Amino acid sequence: MVSDKAATETGEQLRDYELMVIVSPEIAEEQLEGTIEKIGRLITGRGGTVANAERWGKRKLAYPIKRSLEGNYVLIKCKLKPASSRELEANLRISEEFLRHLLVKLKS
């Protein structure tokens, strides 16, 4: 049996997260589903699971981001290892199709 300290050091425990992503409005509606699946593959490829993905639709932004005035909002509830969350954020940060993201750890 793995002790709690060893499990957290190796990052084996899955934690609950909410990921809010604003996808560029230049992504066509047909391609949006593929973009959401890409995020799911990033999560599951690192040993996580995706509970659900809610599409909130296209909404106006409070201020322009990368010359866009609106974006497609998507809320994803998932479970991830803590070390994998940093890798996921790095991938989202460098991708051109995502305007902004926010990954929040939920209390258990």
N, C-alpha and C. Protein backbone atom coordinates (compact mmCIF):
# COMPACT_ATOMS: atom_id res chain seq x y z
N MET A 1 0.84 -1.18 0.00
CA MET A 1 0.00 0.00 0.00
C MET A 1 0.89 1.24 0.00
N VAL A 2 0.51 2.23 -0.79
CA VAL A 2 1.27 3.47 -0.90
C VAL A 2 0.78 4.44 0.17
N SER A 3 1.71 5.04 0.88
CA SER A 3 1.32 6.01 1.92
C SER A 3 0.79 7.28 1.27
N ASP A 4 0.03 8.08 2.03
CA ASP A 4 -0.53 9.32 1.50
C ASP A 4 0.57 10.29 1.07
N LYS A 5 1.65 10.34 1.85
CA LYS A 5 2.75 11.24 1.53
C LYS A 5 3.41 10.84 0.21
N ALA A 6 3.64 9.53 0.03
CA ALA A 6 4.27 9.05 -1.20
C ALA A 6 3.35 9.27 -2.40
N ALA A 7 2.04 9.10 -2.20
CA ALA A 7 1.08 9.29 -3.30
C ALA A 7 1.06 10.74 -3.75
N THR A 8 1.13 11.69 -2.83
CA THR A 8 1.12 13.09 -3.23
C THR A 8 2.45 13.51 -3.84
N GLU A 9 3.55 12.92 -3.38
CA GLU A 9 4.85 13.26 -3.95
C GLU A 9 4.96 12.78 -5.39
N THR A 10 4.41 11.61 -5.70
CA THR A 10 4.47 11.08 -7.06
C THR A 10 3.33 11.60 -7.90
N GLY A 11 2.35 12.26 -7.28
CA GLY A 11 1.24 12.82 -8.03
C GLY A 11 0.22 11.78 -8.45
N GLU A 12 0.11 10.69 -7.72
CA GLU A 12 -0.78 9.60 -8.12
C GLU A 12 -2.24 9.89 -7.80
N GLN A 13 -2.51 10.76 -6.83
CA GLN A 13 -3.89 11.05 -6.47
C GLN A 13 -4.53 11.95 -7.51
N LEU A 14 -5.74 11.59 -7.91
CA LEU A 14 -6.48 12.44 -8.82
C LEU A 14 -7.27 13.46 -8.01
N ARG A 15 -7.26 14.69 -8.45
CA ARG A 15 -8.00 15.75 -7.77
C ARG A 15 -9.05 16.30 -8.73
N ASP A 16 -10.12 16.85 -8.18
CA ASP A 16 -11.19 17.44 -8.98
C ASP A 16 -10.81 18.84 -9.42
N TYR A 17 -11.04 19.14 -10.71
CA TYR A 17 -10.75 20.45 -11.28
C TYR A 17 -11.91 20.90 -12.15
N GLU A 18 -12.04 22.21 -12.29
CA GLU A 18 -12.90 22.82 -13.29
C GLU A 18 -12.00 23.63 -14.21
N LEU A 19 -12.19 23.44 -15.49
CA LEU A 19 -11.40 24.16 -16.49
C LEU A 19 -12.34 25.00 -17.35
N MET A 20 -12.20 26.32 -17.28
CA MET A 20 -12.96 27.22 -18.13
C MET A 20 -12.05 27.66 -19.26
N VAL A 21 -12.51 27.47 -20.48
CA VAL A 21 -11.71 27.81 -21.66
C VAL A 21 -12.52 28.74 -22.54
N ILE A 22 -11.87 29.78 -23.05
CA ILE A 22 -12.49 30.64 -24.06
C ILE A 22 -11.79 30.32 -25.38
N VAL A 23 -12.56 29.75 -26.29
CA VAL A 23 -12.03 29.34 -27.59
C VAL A 23 -12.23 30.49 -28.58
N SER A 24 -11.27 30.68 -29.43
CA SER A 24 -11.30 31.75 -30.43
C SER A 24 -12.58 31.67 -31.26
N PRO A 25 -13.20 32.83 -31.56
CA PRO A 25 -14.41 32.82 -32.38
C PRO A 25 -14.12 32.47 -33.84
N GLU A 26 -12.85 32.47 -34.23
CA GLU A 26 -12.47 32.11 -35.59
C GLU A 26 -12.62 30.61 -35.84
N ILE A 27 -12.71 29.83 -34.76
CA ILE A 27 -12.92 28.39 -34.89
C ILE A 27 -14.38 28.18 -35.28
N ALA A 28 -14.61 27.47 -36.39
CA ALA A 28 -15.97 27.22 -36.86
C ALA A 28 -16.72 26.33 -35.87
N GLU A 29 -18.05 26.43 -35.89
CA GLU A 29 -18.89 25.66 -34.97
C GLU A 29 -18.65 24.15 -35.13
N GLU A 30 -18.39 23.71 -36.35
CA GLU A 30 -18.13 22.29 -36.60
C GLU A 30 -16.79 21.86 -35.99
N GLN A 31 -15.83 22.76 -35.98
CA GLN A 31 -14.50 22.45 -35.46
C GLN A 31 -14.43 22.58 -33.94
N LEU A 32 -15.41 23.24 -33.33
CA LEU A 32 -15.40 23.45 -31.89
C LEU A 32 -15.46 22.13 -31.14
N GLU A 33 -16.26 21.19 -31.63
CA GLU A 33 -16.36 19.88 -30.98
C GLU A 33 -15.00 19.17 -31.00
N GLY A 34 -14.27 19.27 -32.10
CA GLY A 34 -12.94 18.69 -32.20
C GLY A 34 -11.96 19.34 -31.25
N THR A 35 -12.11 20.65 -31.05
CA THR A 35 -11.25 21.38 -30.12
C THR A 35 -11.50 20.93 -28.69
N ILE A 36 -12.78 20.72 -28.34
CA ILE A 36 -13.12 20.22 -27.01
C ILE A 36 -12.57 18.81 -26.80
N GLU A 37 -12.66 17.99 -27.84
CA GLU A 37 -12.10 16.63 -27.76
C GLU A 37 -10.58 16.67 -27.61
N LYS A 38 -9.94 17.66 -28.22
CA LYS A 38 -8.48 17.82 -28.08
C LYS A 38 -8.11 18.05 -26.62
N ILE A 39 -8.89 18.89 -25.92
CA ILE A 39 -8.65 19.13 -24.49
C ILE A 39 -8.86 17.84 -23.72
N GLY A 40 -9.91 17.09 -24.07
CA GLY A 40 -10.16 15.80 -23.42
C GLY A 40 -9.01 14.84 -23.60
N ARG A 41 -8.43 14.82 -24.79
CA ARG A 41 -7.27 13.94 -25.04
C ARG A 41 -6.06 14.38 -24.24
N LEU A 42 -5.88 15.70 -24.09
CA LEU A 42 -4.78 16.21 -23.26
C LEU A 42 -4.93 15.74 -21.81
N ILE A 43 -6.17 15.73 -21.32
CA ILE A 43 -6.43 15.32 -19.94
C ILE A 43 -6.28 13.82 -19.78
N THR A 44 -6.92 13.04 -20.64
CA THR A 44 -6.86 11.58 -20.50
C THR A 44 -5.48 11.03 -20.84
N GLY A 45 -4.74 11.73 -21.69
CA GLY A 45 -3.38 11.30 -22.03
C GLY A 45 -2.42 11.40 -20.87
N ARG A 46 -2.79 12.15 -19.85
CA ARG A 46 -1.95 12.31 -18.66
C ARG A 46 -2.54 11.58 -17.45
N GLY A 47 -3.42 10.62 -17.72
CA GLY A 47 -3.97 9.81 -16.64
C GLY A 47 -5.18 10.39 -15.95
N GLY A 48 -5.77 11.42 -16.51
CA GLY A 48 -6.95 12.05 -15.92
C GLY A 48 -8.24 11.53 -16.54
N THR A 49 -9.35 12.03 -16.04
CA THR A 49 -10.66 11.68 -16.58
C THR A 49 -11.47 12.96 -16.76
N VAL A 50 -12.37 12.94 -17.75
CA VAL A 50 -13.26 14.08 -18.00
C VAL A 50 -14.66 13.67 -17.58
N ALA A 51 -15.24 14.42 -16.64
CA ALA A 51 -16.59 14.12 -16.17
C ALA A 51 -17.62 14.62 -17.18
N ASN A 52 -17.54 15.90 -17.54
CA ASN A 52 -18.41 16.44 -18.58
C ASN A 52 -17.85 17.75 -19.11
N ALA A 53 -18.35 18.14 -20.28
CA ALA A 53 -17.96 19.40 -20.91
C ALA A 53 -19.22 20.15 -21.29
N GLU A 54 -19.40 21.33 -20.71
CA GLU A 54 -20.58 22.15 -20.99
C GLU A 54 -20.19 23.27 -21.94
N ARG A 55 -20.89 23.34 -23.06
CA ARG A 55 -20.67 24.45 -24.00
C ARG A 55 -21.62 25.57 -23.62
N TRP A 56 -21.06 26.72 -23.29
CA TRP A 56 -21.88 27.87 -22.91
C TRP A 56 -22.21 28.75 -24.11
N GLY A 57 -21.62 28.46 -25.23
CA GLY A 57 -21.91 29.23 -26.44
C GLY A 57 -21.01 30.44 -26.60
N LYS A 58 -21.30 31.20 -27.66
CA LYS A 58 -20.50 32.38 -27.98
C LYS A 58 -21.01 33.56 -27.16
N ARG A 59 -20.09 34.22 -26.47
CA ARG A 59 -20.44 35.36 -25.62
C ARG A 59 -19.49 36.51 -25.88
N LYS A 60 -19.96 37.70 -25.58
CA LYS A 60 -19.15 38.90 -25.72
C LYS A 60 -18.12 38.96 -24.59
N LEU A 61 -16.90 39.35 -24.93
CA LEU A 61 -15.84 39.49 -23.93
C LEU A 61 -15.91 40.87 -23.28
N ALA A 62 -15.43 40.99 -22.06
CA ALA A 62 -15.42 42.27 -21.36
C ALA A 62 -14.43 43.24 -21.99
N TYR A 63 -13.38 42.71 -22.58
CA TYR A 63 -12.37 43.53 -23.26
C TYR A 63 -11.77 42.69 -24.37
N PRO A 64 -11.20 43.32 -25.40
CA PRO A 64 -10.63 42.56 -26.51
C PRO A 64 -9.45 41.69 -26.06
N ILE A 65 -9.42 40.46 -26.52
CA ILE A 65 -8.32 39.53 -26.28
C ILE A 65 -7.85 39.05 -27.64
N LYS A 66 -6.59 39.28 -27.96
CA LYS A 66 -6.02 38.90 -29.26
C LYS A 66 -6.90 39.40 -30.40
N ARG A 67 -7.36 40.64 -30.27
CA ARG A 67 -8.19 41.32 -31.27
C ARG A 67 -9.57 40.67 -31.46
N SER A 68 -10.02 39.88 -30.53
CA SER A 68 -11.35 39.26 -30.58
C SER A 68 -12.26 39.95 -29.58
N LEU A 69 -13.50 40.17 -29.98
CA LEU A 69 -14.48 40.81 -29.10
C LEU A 69 -15.44 39.80 -28.49
N GLU A 70 -15.42 38.56 -28.98
CA GLU A 70 -16.26 37.51 -28.41
C GLU A 70 -15.51 36.19 -28.48
N GLY A 71 -16.02 35.19 -27.74
CA GLY A 71 -15.37 33.89 -27.71
C GLY A 71 -16.37 32.81 -27.32
N ASN A 72 -16.01 31.58 -27.63
CA ASN A 72 -16.84 30.41 -27.28
C ASN A 72 -16.40 29.91 -25.91
N TYR A 73 -17.31 29.93 -24.95
CA TYR A 73 -17.00 29.50 -23.59
C TYR A 73 -17.30 28.02 -23.43
N VAL A 74 -16.37 27.29 -22.79
CA VAL A 74 -16.55 25.87 -22.51
C VAL A 74 -16.09 25.61 -21.07
N LEU A 75 -16.93 24.92 -20.28
CA LEU A 75 -16.60 24.54 -18.92
C LEU A 75 -16.42 23.03 -18.88
N ILE A 76 -15.24 22.58 -18.43
CA ILE A 76 -14.93 21.16 -18.38
C ILE A 76 -14.65 20.77 -16.94
N LYS A 77 -15.36 19.75 -16.45
CA LYS A 77 -15.11 19.21 -15.11
C LYS A 77 -14.33 17.92 -15.30
N CYS A 78 -13.19 17.83 -14.58
CA CYS A 78 -12.30 16.69 -14.79
C CYS A 78 -11.56 16.33 -13.50
N LYS A 79 -10.86 15.21 -13.56
CA LYS A 79 -9.98 14.77 -12.48
C LYS A 79 -8.59 14.65 -13.08
N LEU A 80 -7.60 15.20 -12.37
CA LEU A 80 -6.22 15.22 -12.85
C LEU A 80 -5.25 15.00 -11.71
N LYS A 81 -4.07 14.55 -12.06
CA LYS A 81 -2.96 14.52 -11.10
C LYS A 81 -2.42 15.95 -11.00
N PRO A 82 -1.99 16.38 -9.82
CA PRO A 82 -1.48 17.75 -9.67
C PRO A 82 -0.35 18.11 -10.64
N ALA A 83 0.57 17.20 -10.87
CA ALA A 83 1.67 17.48 -11.79
C ALA A 83 1.16 17.63 -13.22
N SER A 84 0.13 16.90 -13.58
CA SER A 84 -0.43 16.98 -14.93
C SER A 84 -1.15 18.29 -15.18
N SER A 85 -1.65 18.91 -14.13
CA SER A 85 -2.35 20.18 -14.30
C SER A 85 -1.41 21.26 -14.84
N ARG A 86 -0.18 21.25 -14.39
CA ARG A 86 0.79 22.24 -14.90
C ARG A 86 1.09 22.00 -16.38
N GLU A 87 1.20 20.73 -16.77
CA GLU A 87 1.45 20.40 -18.18
C GLU A 87 0.26 20.80 -19.05
N LEU A 88 -0.95 20.56 -18.55
CA LEU A 88 -2.16 20.92 -19.29
C LEU A 88 -2.21 22.43 -19.51
N GLU A 89 -1.94 23.20 -18.46
CA GLU A 89 -1.96 24.66 -18.59
C GLU A 89 -0.90 25.16 -19.57
N ALA A 90 0.26 24.53 -19.57
CA ALA A 90 1.31 24.92 -20.51
C ALA A 90 0.87 24.67 -21.96
N ASN A 91 0.20 23.55 -22.20
CA ASN A 91 -0.29 23.26 -23.55
C ASN A 91 -1.38 24.23 -23.98
N LEU A 92 -2.27 24.59 -23.05
CA LEU A 92 -3.33 25.54 -23.38
C LEU A 92 -2.77 26.93 -23.63
N ARG A 93 -1.74 27.30 -22.90
CA ARG A 93 -1.13 28.62 -23.02
C ARG A 93 -0.49 28.82 -24.40
N ILE A 94 0.13 27.79 -24.96
CA ILE A 94 0.84 27.96 -26.23
C ILE A 94 -0.05 27.75 -27.45
N SER A 95 -1.25 27.22 -27.25
CA SER A 95 -2.14 26.95 -28.37
C SER A 95 -2.81 28.24 -28.85
N GLU A 96 -2.87 28.43 -30.14
CA GLU A 96 -3.45 29.63 -30.73
C GLU A 96 -4.98 29.65 -30.66
N GLU A 97 -5.61 28.49 -30.58
CA GLU A 97 -7.08 28.45 -30.64
C GLU A 97 -7.76 28.82 -29.33
N PHE A 98 -7.01 28.90 -28.23
CA PHE A 98 -7.58 29.26 -26.94
C PHE A 98 -7.18 30.69 -26.57
N LEU A 99 -8.19 31.53 -26.33
CA LEU A 99 -7.90 32.91 -25.95
C LEU A 99 -7.47 32.99 -24.49
N ARG A 100 -8.22 32.34 -23.60
CA ARG A 100 -7.91 32.32 -22.17
C ARG A 100 -8.36 30.99 -21.59
N HIS A 101 -7.78 30.66 -20.44
CA HIS A 101 -8.22 29.47 -19.69
C HIS A 101 -8.02 29.74 -18.20
N LEU A 102 -8.78 29.01 -17.41
CA LEU A 102 -8.65 29.09 -15.96
C LEU A 102 -8.91 27.71 -15.40
N LEU A 103 -7.91 27.15 -14.73
CA LEU A 103 -8.02 25.83 -14.11
C LEU A 103 -8.11 26.02 -12.61
N VAL A 104 -9.20 25.54 -12.02
CA VAL A 104 -9.46 25.73 -10.61
C VAL A 104 -9.58 24.37 -9.94
N LYS A 105 -8.81 24.17 -8.84
CA LYS A 105 -8.92 22.94 -8.07
C LYS A 105 -10.12 23.06 -7.14
N LEU A 106 -10.98 22.06 -7.16
CA LEU A 106 -12.16 22.05 -6.30
C LEU A 106 -11.82 21.40 -4.97
N LYS A 107 -12.42 21.90 -3.92
CA LYS A 107 -12.21 21.28 -2.60
C LYS A 107 -12.93 19.95 -2.56
N SER A 108 -12.31 18.99 -1.91
CA SER A 108 -12.93 17.67 -1.83
C SER A 108 -13.59 17.41 -0.51
